[in-house]
């Protein structure tokens, strides 16, 4: 009778028990509280991942997307051709604004030869929300004005987004994006 090759059920179960014990040991040695709210590297990587997801979405769905930056938040939007307006990108994982904790500061800046010539501080004061007038009978719509555009062709408005811990100024991480959509995360 030829010898049967392979593992017995007992050997497989023993390996599974050992792997389970090792994984429990690893989990027990992890710190109890991972400080995501103070980790600028984590927030930069999160933004990079969401941006990559948005770039893929724009290419696959053949739609134009944008990013609107706030003081401690940012959100992704898409251009609705029917209404000719920017609308929030509806995704079950990413609803409306993505909040950045107070312990992390962030700053975006447009980069490239064209953007270097334009002063970002010279905004039109009449486009600010406090000057808008509501007309009775009309629903007030929130205007989305993205500062960065993600085109369906794969091009992106070149920009950089800096994340840094307000307590530790040395912990600075910059996400830079070129016009071709190449994303780079640089830790200073």
N, C-alpha and C. Protein backbone atom coordinates (compact mmCIF):
# COMPACT_ATOMS: atom_id res chain seq x y z
N UNK A 1 0.84 -1.16 0.00
CA UNK A 1 0.00 0.00 0.00
C UNK A 1 0.90 1.24 0.00
N UNK A 2 0.67 2.23 -0.90
CA UNK A 2 1.49 3.42 -0.95
C UNK A 2 1.19 4.34 0.24
N UNK A 3 2.22 5.09 0.65
CA UNK A 3 2.05 6.03 1.75
C UNK A 3 1.25 7.25 1.30
N UNK A 4 0.31 7.67 2.11
CA UNK A 4 -0.47 8.87 1.82
C UNK A 4 0.33 10.09 2.25
N UNK A 5 0.37 11.12 1.40
CA UNK A 5 1.10 12.34 1.73
C UNK A 5 0.12 13.42 2.13
N UNK A 6 0.56 14.30 3.03
CA UNK A 6 -0.29 15.40 3.48
C UNK A 6 -0.24 15.51 4.98
N UNK A 7 -1.06 16.40 5.50
CA UNK A 7 -1.11 16.65 6.92
C UNK A 7 -2.36 16.01 7.51
N UNK A 8 -2.22 15.56 8.74
CA UNK A 8 -3.38 15.03 9.43
C UNK A 8 -4.18 16.19 10.01
N UNK A 9 -5.39 15.91 10.39
CA UNK A 9 -6.24 16.93 11.00
C UNK A 9 -5.63 17.44 12.30
N UNK A 10 -5.01 16.56 13.06
CA UNK A 10 -4.39 16.94 14.32
C UNK A 10 -3.24 17.94 14.08
N UNK A 11 -2.43 17.71 13.05
CA UNK A 11 -1.32 18.62 12.74
C UNK A 11 -1.83 20.00 12.32
N UNK A 12 -2.86 20.04 11.52
CA UNK A 12 -3.44 21.31 11.07
C UNK A 12 -4.01 22.07 12.26
N UNK A 13 -4.72 21.36 13.15
CA UNK A 13 -5.30 22.01 14.33
C UNK A 13 -4.20 22.56 15.24
N UNK A 14 -3.11 21.84 15.41
CA UNK A 14 -2.01 22.29 16.24
C UNK A 14 -1.40 23.57 15.69
N UNK A 15 -1.22 23.66 14.38
CA UNK A 15 -0.69 24.87 13.75
C UNK A 15 -1.64 26.04 13.96
N UNK A 16 -2.94 25.84 13.81
CA UNK A 16 -3.92 26.90 14.02
C UNK A 16 -3.91 27.40 15.46
N UNK A 17 -3.79 26.49 16.44
CA UNK A 17 -3.74 26.88 17.84
C UNK A 17 -2.48 27.70 18.10
N UNK A 18 -1.34 27.28 17.57
CA UNK A 18 -0.10 28.03 17.75
C UNK A 18 -0.19 29.42 17.12
N UNK A 19 -0.75 29.53 15.93
CA UNK A 19 -0.90 30.84 15.27
C UNK A 19 -1.83 31.74 16.08
N UNK A 20 -2.88 31.17 16.66
CA UNK A 20 -3.79 31.95 17.49
C UNK A 20 -3.11 32.47 18.74
N UNK A 21 -2.29 31.63 19.36
CA UNK A 21 -1.58 32.06 20.57
C UNK A 21 -0.56 33.16 20.24
N UNK A 22 0.11 33.05 19.12
CA UNK A 22 1.09 34.07 18.72
C UNK A 22 0.38 35.38 18.43
N UNK A 23 -0.75 35.33 17.73
CA UNK A 23 -1.47 36.58 17.42
C UNK A 23 -2.02 37.24 18.67
N UNK A 24 -2.46 36.46 19.65
CA UNK A 24 -2.93 37.03 20.92
C UNK A 24 -1.76 37.71 21.64
N UNK A 25 -0.59 37.08 21.60
CA UNK A 25 0.59 37.68 22.23
C UNK A 25 0.97 38.99 21.58
N UNK A 26 0.87 39.07 20.25
CA UNK A 26 1.19 40.31 19.54
C UNK A 26 0.19 41.40 19.89
N UNK A 27 -1.08 41.07 19.92
CA UNK A 27 -2.12 42.06 20.23
C UNK A 27 -1.96 42.55 21.67
N UNK A 28 -1.59 41.68 22.57
CA UNK A 28 -1.43 42.08 23.98
C UNK A 28 -0.25 43.03 24.17
N UNK A 29 0.76 42.95 23.30
CA UNK A 29 1.93 43.83 23.44
C UNK A 29 1.73 45.19 22.78
N UNK A 30 0.67 45.34 21.98
CA UNK A 30 0.41 46.63 21.36
C UNK A 30 -0.01 47.64 22.43
N UNK A 31 0.30 48.92 22.24
CA UNK A 31 -0.14 49.90 23.23
C UNK A 31 -1.66 49.95 23.29
N UNK A 32 -2.17 50.23 24.50
CA UNK A 32 -3.62 50.19 24.69
C UNK A 32 -4.33 51.30 23.94
N UNK A 33 -3.69 52.45 23.82
CA UNK A 33 -4.34 53.53 23.08
C UNK A 33 -3.38 54.03 22.02
N UNK A 34 -3.74 53.77 20.80
CA UNK A 34 -2.94 54.27 19.70
C UNK A 34 -3.43 55.68 19.43
N UNK A 35 -2.57 56.68 19.58
CA UNK A 35 -2.98 58.08 19.52
C UNK A 35 -3.15 58.60 18.11
N UNK A 36 -4.18 58.15 17.41
CA UNK A 36 -4.43 58.64 16.06
C UNK A 36 -4.73 60.13 16.04
N UNK A 37 -5.31 60.62 17.14
CA UNK A 37 -5.68 62.03 17.17
C UNK A 37 -4.47 62.95 17.27
N UNK A 38 -3.28 62.41 17.57
CA UNK A 38 -2.07 63.23 17.66
C UNK A 38 -1.02 62.81 16.63
N UNK A 39 -1.34 61.88 15.76
CA UNK A 39 -0.36 61.34 14.81
C UNK A 39 -0.56 61.96 13.43
N UNK A 40 0.29 62.92 13.09
CA UNK A 40 0.16 63.59 11.80
C UNK A 40 0.47 62.64 10.64
N UNK A 41 1.35 61.68 10.85
CA UNK A 41 1.67 60.68 9.81
C UNK A 41 0.41 59.89 9.46
N UNK A 42 -0.37 59.49 10.48
CA UNK A 42 -1.57 58.71 10.24
C UNK A 42 -2.59 59.53 9.43
N UNK A 43 -2.77 60.81 9.78
CA UNK A 43 -3.73 61.64 9.06
C UNK A 43 -3.29 61.91 7.63
N UNK A 44 -1.98 62.05 7.42
CA UNK A 44 -1.46 62.25 6.06
C UNK A 44 -1.68 60.99 5.22
N UNK A 45 -1.44 59.83 5.79
CA UNK A 45 -1.66 58.58 5.07
C UNK A 45 -3.15 58.37 4.79
N UNK A 46 -4.00 58.76 5.74
CA UNK A 46 -5.45 58.65 5.53
C UNK A 46 -5.87 59.53 4.36
N UNK A 47 -5.37 60.79 4.34
CA UNK A 47 -5.70 61.69 3.24
C UNK A 47 -5.19 61.13 1.91
N UNK A 48 -3.98 60.60 1.92
CA UNK A 48 -3.40 60.01 0.71
C UNK A 48 -4.28 58.87 0.18
N UNK A 49 -4.73 58.00 1.08
CA UNK A 49 -5.58 56.88 0.69
C UNK A 49 -6.91 57.36 0.11
N UNK A 50 -7.52 58.34 0.76
CA UNK A 50 -8.79 58.87 0.26
C UNK A 50 -8.61 59.57 -1.09
N UNK A 51 -7.50 60.28 -1.25
CA UNK A 51 -7.21 60.95 -2.51
C UNK A 51 -7.01 59.93 -3.62
N UNK A 52 -6.28 58.86 -3.34
CA UNK A 52 -6.08 57.79 -4.33
C UNK A 52 -7.42 57.16 -4.72
N UNK A 53 -8.27 56.94 -3.72
CA UNK A 53 -9.61 56.40 -3.98
C UNK A 53 -10.41 57.35 -4.87
N UNK A 54 -10.32 58.65 -4.59
CA UNK A 54 -11.03 59.65 -5.40
C UNK A 54 -10.50 59.68 -6.83
N UNK A 55 -9.18 59.58 -6.99
CA UNK A 55 -8.60 59.56 -8.34
C UNK A 55 -9.10 58.35 -9.12
N UNK A 56 -9.12 57.20 -8.47
CA UNK A 56 -9.62 55.98 -9.13
C UNK A 56 -11.10 56.13 -9.49
N UNK A 57 -11.87 56.71 -8.58
CA UNK A 57 -13.30 56.92 -8.83
C UNK A 57 -13.52 57.85 -10.02
N UNK A 58 -12.72 58.92 -10.10
CA UNK A 58 -12.86 59.87 -11.22
C UNK A 58 -12.54 59.19 -12.55
N UNK A 59 -11.50 58.38 -12.57
CA UNK A 59 -11.13 57.69 -13.81
C UNK A 59 -12.17 56.66 -14.23
N UNK A 60 -12.64 55.87 -13.26
CA UNK A 60 -13.58 54.79 -13.57
C UNK A 60 -14.96 55.32 -13.94
N UNK A 61 -15.45 56.31 -13.20
CA UNK A 61 -16.80 56.82 -13.44
C UNK A 61 -16.84 57.95 -14.47
N UNK A 62 -15.66 58.37 -14.95
CA UNK A 62 -15.56 59.46 -15.94
C UNK A 62 -16.27 60.72 -15.43
N UNK A 63 -15.98 61.06 -14.17
CA UNK A 63 -16.58 62.25 -13.57
C UNK A 63 -15.50 63.16 -13.01
N UNK A 64 -15.85 64.42 -12.87
CA UNK A 64 -14.92 65.41 -12.34
C UNK A 64 -15.15 65.54 -10.84
N UNK A 65 -14.09 65.46 -10.06
CA UNK A 65 -14.18 65.56 -8.62
C UNK A 65 -13.40 66.77 -8.14
N UNK A 66 -13.64 67.15 -6.91
CA UNK A 66 -12.92 68.27 -6.31
C UNK A 66 -12.75 68.05 -4.83
N UNK A 67 -11.82 68.81 -4.25
CA UNK A 67 -11.60 68.77 -2.81
C UNK A 67 -11.78 70.18 -2.28
N UNK A 68 -12.63 70.31 -1.26
CA UNK A 68 -12.82 71.59 -0.60
C UNK A 68 -12.19 71.50 0.78
N UNK A 69 -11.27 72.41 1.06
CA UNK A 69 -10.56 72.42 2.33
C UNK A 69 -11.20 73.43 3.27
N UNK A 70 -11.37 73.03 4.53
CA UNK A 70 -11.82 73.93 5.59
C UNK A 70 -10.68 74.12 6.58
N UNK A 71 -10.99 74.74 7.71
CA UNK A 71 -9.94 74.98 8.70
C UNK A 71 -9.46 73.69 9.35
N UNK A 72 -10.34 72.84 9.81
CA UNK A 72 -9.97 71.57 10.43
C UNK A 72 -10.72 70.42 9.76
N UNK A 73 -10.91 70.52 8.44
CA UNK A 73 -11.68 69.52 7.73
C UNK A 73 -11.46 69.65 6.24
N UNK A 74 -11.87 68.62 5.53
CA UNK A 74 -11.87 68.64 4.07
C UNK A 74 -12.97 67.70 3.59
N UNK A 75 -13.40 67.90 2.36
CA UNK A 75 -14.41 67.00 1.81
C UNK A 75 -14.23 66.88 0.31
N UNK A 76 -14.72 65.77 -0.20
CA UNK A 76 -14.66 65.50 -1.63
C UNK A 76 -16.03 65.80 -2.23
N UNK A 77 -16.03 66.32 -3.45
CA UNK A 77 -17.27 66.67 -4.13
C UNK A 77 -17.18 66.23 -5.59
N UNK A 78 -18.34 66.12 -6.23
CA UNK A 78 -18.36 65.82 -7.66
C UNK A 78 -19.17 66.89 -8.37
N UNK A 79 -18.87 67.06 -9.66
CA UNK A 79 -19.58 68.07 -10.45
C UNK A 79 -20.77 67.41 -11.10
N UNK A 80 -21.97 67.89 -10.75
CA UNK A 80 -23.21 67.36 -11.31
C UNK A 80 -23.52 68.12 -12.59
N UNK A 81 -23.50 67.43 -13.72
CA UNK A 81 -23.71 68.07 -15.02
C UNK A 81 -25.13 68.60 -15.19
N UNK A 82 -26.11 67.92 -14.58
CA UNK A 82 -27.50 68.35 -14.73
C UNK A 82 -27.75 69.70 -14.05
N UNK A 83 -27.32 69.81 -12.81
CA UNK A 83 -27.56 71.05 -12.07
C UNK A 83 -26.44 72.06 -12.23
N UNK A 84 -25.34 71.62 -12.84
CA UNK A 84 -24.15 72.47 -13.03
C UNK A 84 -23.65 73.04 -11.72
N UNK A 85 -23.62 72.17 -10.69
CA UNK A 85 -23.14 72.56 -9.37
C UNK A 85 -22.30 71.43 -8.79
N UNK A 86 -21.45 71.82 -7.84
CA UNK A 86 -20.67 70.85 -7.09
C UNK A 86 -21.52 70.31 -5.96
N UNK A 87 -21.53 68.98 -5.81
CA UNK A 87 -22.30 68.33 -4.76
C UNK A 87 -21.38 67.41 -3.97
N UNK A 88 -21.71 67.20 -2.68
CA UNK A 88 -20.87 66.31 -1.87
C UNK A 88 -20.84 64.90 -2.46
N UNK A 89 -19.69 64.30 -2.45
CA UNK A 89 -19.53 62.93 -2.93
C UNK A 89 -20.15 62.00 -1.91
N UNK A 90 -21.16 61.27 -2.32
CA UNK A 90 -21.84 60.39 -1.37
C UNK A 90 -21.15 59.03 -1.37
N UNK A 91 -20.64 58.69 -0.21
CA UNK A 91 -19.97 57.42 -0.01
C UNK A 91 -20.29 57.00 1.41
N UNK A 92 -20.67 55.73 1.62
CA UNK A 92 -21.02 55.32 2.98
C UNK A 92 -19.88 55.48 3.98
N UNK A 93 -18.63 55.42 3.52
CA UNK A 93 -17.49 55.55 4.43
C UNK A 93 -17.08 57.00 4.62
N UNK A 94 -17.34 57.84 3.63
CA UNK A 94 -16.93 59.23 3.70
C UNK A 94 -18.15 60.10 3.48
N UNK A 95 -18.75 60.57 4.56
CA UNK A 95 -19.90 61.45 4.46
C UNK A 95 -19.47 62.88 4.75
N UNK A 96 -19.82 63.76 3.89
CA UNK A 96 -19.59 65.18 4.07
C UNK A 96 -18.15 65.47 4.44
N UNK A 97 -17.91 66.20 5.52
CA UNK A 97 -16.56 66.62 5.88
C UNK A 97 -15.80 65.52 6.62
N UNK A 98 -14.53 65.42 6.34
CA UNK A 98 -13.64 64.56 7.10
C UNK A 98 -12.95 65.47 8.11
N UNK A 99 -13.20 65.22 9.37
CA UNK A 99 -12.70 66.09 10.44
C UNK A 99 -11.26 65.74 10.79
N UNK A 100 -10.50 66.78 11.12
CA UNK A 100 -9.13 66.63 11.61
C UNK A 100 -9.15 67.09 13.05
N UNK A 101 -8.61 66.28 13.99
CA UNK A 101 -8.67 66.69 15.40
C UNK A 101 -7.92 67.99 15.66
N UNK A 102 -8.27 68.65 16.74
CA UNK A 102 -7.67 69.94 17.09
C UNK A 102 -6.18 69.81 17.35
N UNK A 103 -5.74 68.63 17.78
CA UNK A 103 -4.31 68.44 18.07
C UNK A 103 -3.45 68.40 16.81
N UNK A 104 -4.09 68.27 15.64
CA UNK A 104 -3.39 68.27 14.36
C UNK A 104 -3.82 69.51 13.58
N UNK A 105 -2.85 70.26 13.09
CA UNK A 105 -3.15 71.40 12.22
C UNK A 105 -2.85 70.99 10.79
N UNK A 106 -3.53 71.64 9.87
CA UNK A 106 -3.31 71.32 8.45
C UNK A 106 -3.37 72.60 7.63
N UNK A 107 -2.58 72.62 6.57
CA UNK A 107 -2.55 73.75 5.66
C UNK A 107 -2.39 73.22 4.24
N UNK A 108 -3.20 73.72 3.34
CA UNK A 108 -3.04 73.34 1.94
C UNK A 108 -2.47 74.53 1.18
N UNK A 109 -1.78 74.24 0.11
CA UNK A 109 -1.31 75.31 -0.78
C UNK A 109 -1.23 74.76 -2.19
N UNK A 110 -1.65 75.59 -3.12
CA UNK A 110 -1.56 75.22 -4.53
C UNK A 110 -0.14 75.46 -4.98
N UNK A 111 0.41 74.54 -5.76
CA UNK A 111 1.80 74.66 -6.19
C UNK A 111 1.87 74.61 -7.71
N UNK A 112 2.94 75.12 -8.23
CA UNK A 112 3.13 75.16 -9.67
C UNK A 112 3.33 76.58 -10.12
N UNK A 113 3.84 76.77 -11.31
CA UNK A 113 4.20 78.11 -11.77
C UNK A 113 2.99 79.04 -11.88
N UNK A 114 1.85 78.54 -12.31
CA UNK A 114 0.67 79.39 -12.44
C UNK A 114 0.18 79.82 -11.06
N UNK A 115 0.12 78.87 -10.11
CA UNK A 115 -0.43 79.16 -8.80
C UNK A 115 0.50 80.03 -7.98
N UNK A 116 1.80 79.97 -8.23
CA UNK A 116 2.74 80.81 -7.50
C UNK A 116 2.52 82.29 -7.78
N UNK A 117 1.99 82.60 -8.96
CA UNK A 117 1.77 84.00 -9.34
C UNK A 117 0.48 84.57 -8.76
N UNK A 118 -0.45 83.72 -8.41
CA UNK A 118 -1.75 84.18 -7.91
C UNK A 118 -1.70 84.25 -6.39
N UNK A 119 -2.13 85.36 -5.85
CA UNK A 119 -2.19 85.52 -4.40
C UNK A 119 -3.46 84.84 -3.90
N UNK A 120 -3.33 83.89 -2.97
CA UNK A 120 -4.49 83.20 -2.43
C UNK A 120 -5.27 84.09 -1.48
N UNK A 121 -4.68 85.13 -0.96
CA UNK A 121 -5.35 86.00 -0.01
C UNK A 121 -6.31 86.97 -0.69
N UNK A 122 -6.20 87.15 -1.99
CA UNK A 122 -7.03 88.11 -2.72
C UNK A 122 -8.35 87.47 -3.14
N UNK A 123 -9.15 87.06 -2.15
CA UNK A 123 -10.46 86.48 -2.45
C UNK A 123 -11.48 87.60 -2.62
N UNK A 124 -12.51 87.29 -3.36
CA UNK A 124 -13.59 88.24 -3.55
C UNK A 124 -14.46 88.24 -2.29
N UNK A 125 -14.55 89.36 -1.56
CA UNK A 125 -15.32 89.36 -0.30
C UNK A 125 -16.80 89.12 -0.52
N UNK A 126 -17.32 89.38 -1.71
CA UNK A 126 -18.75 89.21 -1.95
C UNK A 126 -19.13 87.77 -2.22
N UNK A 127 -18.15 86.88 -2.35
CA UNK A 127 -18.46 85.47 -2.53
C UNK A 127 -18.50 84.73 -1.20
N UNK A 128 -18.22 85.43 -0.10
CA UNK A 128 -18.26 84.80 1.21
C UNK A 128 -19.71 84.56 1.63
N UNK A 129 -19.92 83.53 2.43
CA UNK A 129 -21.27 83.11 2.82
C UNK A 129 -22.02 84.17 3.60
N UNK A 130 -21.32 85.00 4.37
CA UNK A 130 -22.01 86.00 5.19
C UNK A 130 -22.67 87.08 4.35
N UNK A 131 -22.26 87.26 3.11
CA UNK A 131 -22.85 88.28 2.25
C UNK A 131 -23.98 87.74 1.37
N UNK A 132 -24.21 86.42 1.39
CA UNK A 132 -25.25 85.84 0.56
C UNK A 132 -26.62 86.14 1.15
N UNK A 133 -27.60 86.38 0.29
CA UNK A 133 -28.95 86.72 0.72
C UNK A 133 -29.86 85.56 0.36
N UNK A 134 -30.73 85.17 1.32
CA UNK A 134 -31.69 84.11 1.06
C UNK A 134 -32.97 84.71 0.53
N UNK A 135 -33.54 84.11 -0.48
CA UNK A 135 -34.80 84.56 -1.06
C UNK A 135 -35.89 83.65 -0.52
N UNK A 136 -36.99 84.25 -0.06
CA UNK A 136 -38.08 83.46 0.52
C UNK A 136 -38.63 82.50 -0.52
N UNK A 137 -38.96 81.29 -0.06
CA UNK A 137 -39.52 80.28 -0.94
C UNK A 137 -38.46 79.41 -1.59
N UNK A 138 -37.21 79.80 -1.50
CA UNK A 138 -36.13 78.99 -2.06
C UNK A 138 -35.42 78.28 -0.94
N UNK A 139 -35.05 77.03 -1.21
CA UNK A 139 -34.26 76.30 -0.24
C UNK A 139 -32.83 76.81 -0.30
N UNK A 140 -32.26 77.00 0.86
CA UNK A 140 -30.87 77.45 0.91
C UNK A 140 -29.96 76.27 0.57
N UNK A 141 -29.19 76.42 -0.48
CA UNK A 141 -28.26 75.38 -0.87
C UNK A 141 -26.87 75.77 -0.42
N UNK A 142 -26.14 74.78 0.01
CA UNK A 142 -24.77 75.03 0.42
C UNK A 142 -23.90 74.95 -0.82
N UNK A 143 -23.19 76.04 -1.07
CA UNK A 143 -22.29 76.06 -2.21
C UNK A 143 -20.99 75.39 -1.84
N UNK A 144 -20.54 74.52 -2.73
CA UNK A 144 -19.25 73.86 -2.55
C UNK A 144 -18.31 74.47 -3.58
N UNK A 145 -17.21 74.99 -3.10
CA UNK A 145 -16.22 75.60 -3.98
C UNK A 145 -14.88 74.89 -3.79
N UNK A 146 -14.65 73.82 -4.56
CA UNK A 146 -13.40 73.09 -4.38
C UNK A 146 -12.19 73.92 -4.80
N UNK A 147 -11.11 73.77 -4.04
CA UNK A 147 -9.87 74.45 -4.38
C UNK A 147 -8.99 73.57 -5.26
N UNK A 148 -9.21 72.25 -5.21
CA UNK A 148 -8.42 71.29 -5.98
C UNK A 148 -9.38 70.49 -6.84
N UNK A 149 -8.99 70.25 -8.08
CA UNK A 149 -9.82 69.50 -9.02
C UNK A 149 -9.13 68.19 -9.40
N UNK A 150 -9.93 67.12 -9.43
CA UNK A 150 -9.46 65.81 -9.85
C UNK A 150 -10.23 65.48 -11.12
N UNK A 151 -9.55 65.52 -12.24
CA UNK A 151 -10.21 65.38 -13.52
C UNK A 151 -10.34 63.90 -13.91
N UNK A 152 -11.33 63.61 -14.74
CA UNK A 152 -11.54 62.24 -15.21
C UNK A 152 -10.41 61.77 -16.12
N UNK A 153 -9.61 62.70 -16.63
CA UNK A 153 -8.47 62.35 -17.47
C UNK A 153 -7.26 61.89 -16.66
N UNK A 154 -7.34 62.05 -15.33
CA UNK A 154 -6.24 61.66 -14.46
C UNK A 154 -5.42 62.85 -13.97
N UNK A 155 -5.68 64.03 -14.52
CA UNK A 155 -4.94 65.22 -14.08
C UNK A 155 -5.53 65.74 -12.77
N UNK A 156 -4.66 66.35 -11.96
CA UNK A 156 -5.05 66.89 -10.67
C UNK A 156 -4.43 68.27 -10.54
N UNK A 157 -5.16 69.19 -9.92
CA UNK A 157 -4.57 70.49 -9.60
C UNK A 157 -3.38 70.24 -8.68
N UNK A 158 -2.18 70.65 -9.06
CA UNK A 158 -1.03 70.38 -8.18
C UNK A 158 -1.15 71.15 -6.87
N UNK A 159 -0.96 70.44 -5.75
CA UNK A 159 -1.09 71.07 -4.45
C UNK A 159 -0.27 70.29 -3.43
N UNK A 160 -0.12 70.90 -2.27
CA UNK A 160 0.49 70.20 -1.14
C UNK A 160 -0.40 70.42 0.08
N UNK A 161 -0.42 69.44 0.96
CA UNK A 161 -1.26 69.48 2.15
C UNK A 161 -0.38 69.07 3.33
N UNK A 162 -0.15 70.00 4.23
CA UNK A 162 0.74 69.81 5.36
C UNK A 162 -0.06 69.46 6.61
N UNK A 163 0.37 68.40 7.30
CA UNK A 163 -0.21 67.99 8.58
C UNK A 163 0.89 68.12 9.63
N UNK A 164 0.58 68.74 10.76
CA UNK A 164 1.57 68.79 11.84
C UNK A 164 0.88 68.83 13.19
N UNK A 165 1.56 68.25 14.15
CA UNK A 165 1.07 68.19 15.52
C UNK A 165 1.28 69.55 16.15
N UNK A 166 0.23 70.12 16.75
CA UNK A 166 0.34 71.45 17.33
C UNK A 166 1.25 71.47 18.56
N UNK A 167 1.36 70.35 19.26
CA UNK A 167 2.23 70.27 20.44
C UNK A 167 3.69 70.06 20.04
N UNK A 168 3.92 69.26 19.03
CA UNK A 168 5.26 68.91 18.60
C UNK A 168 5.46 69.41 17.16
N UNK A 169 5.99 70.58 17.00
CA UNK A 169 6.13 71.18 15.66
C UNK A 169 7.06 70.38 14.75
N UNK A 170 7.88 69.48 15.32
CA UNK A 170 8.80 68.69 14.50
C UNK A 170 8.10 67.58 13.74
N UNK A 171 6.95 67.16 14.20
CA UNK A 171 6.19 66.07 13.57
C UNK A 171 5.36 66.64 12.42
N UNK A 172 6.02 66.85 11.26
CA UNK A 172 5.37 67.47 10.10
C UNK A 172 5.41 66.50 8.92
N UNK A 173 4.25 66.32 8.30
CA UNK A 173 4.13 65.44 7.15
C UNK A 173 3.40 66.19 6.05
N UNK A 174 3.98 66.18 4.84
CA UNK A 174 3.39 66.88 3.71
C UNK A 174 2.99 65.87 2.63
N UNK A 175 1.78 66.01 2.15
CA UNK A 175 1.31 65.22 1.00
C UNK A 175 1.37 66.16 -0.20
N UNK A 176 2.17 65.81 -1.19
CA UNK A 176 2.26 66.62 -2.41
C UNK A 176 1.69 65.83 -3.58
N UNK A 177 1.01 66.55 -4.45
CA UNK A 177 0.38 65.92 -5.60
C UNK A 177 0.79 66.71 -6.84
N UNK A 178 1.30 66.00 -7.84
CA UNK A 178 1.69 66.65 -9.08
C UNK A 178 0.50 66.72 -10.03
N UNK A 179 0.67 67.43 -11.13
CA UNK A 179 -0.42 67.58 -12.09
C UNK A 179 -0.83 66.23 -12.70
N UNK A 180 0.13 65.30 -12.80
CA UNK A 180 -0.18 63.99 -13.35
C UNK A 180 -0.90 63.09 -12.35
N UNK A 181 -1.06 63.56 -11.10
CA UNK A 181 -1.78 62.80 -10.10
C UNK A 181 -0.88 61.96 -9.22
N UNK A 182 0.42 62.08 -9.37
CA UNK A 182 1.35 61.31 -8.55
C UNK A 182 1.35 61.88 -7.13
N UNK A 183 1.14 61.00 -6.15
CA UNK A 183 1.05 61.41 -4.75
C UNK A 183 2.34 61.01 -4.04
N UNK A 184 2.86 61.95 -3.26
CA UNK A 184 4.07 61.67 -2.49
C UNK A 184 3.86 62.17 -1.06
N UNK A 185 4.23 61.33 -0.10
CA UNK A 185 4.13 61.69 1.31
C UNK A 185 5.55 61.92 1.81
N UNK A 186 5.81 63.12 2.33
CA UNK A 186 7.15 63.49 2.78
C UNK A 186 7.08 63.82 4.26
N UNK A 187 7.88 63.11 5.04
CA UNK A 187 7.95 63.38 6.49
C UNK A 187 9.17 64.25 6.73
N UNK A 188 8.95 65.41 7.35
CA UNK A 188 10.05 66.35 7.60
C UNK A 188 10.72 66.04 8.92
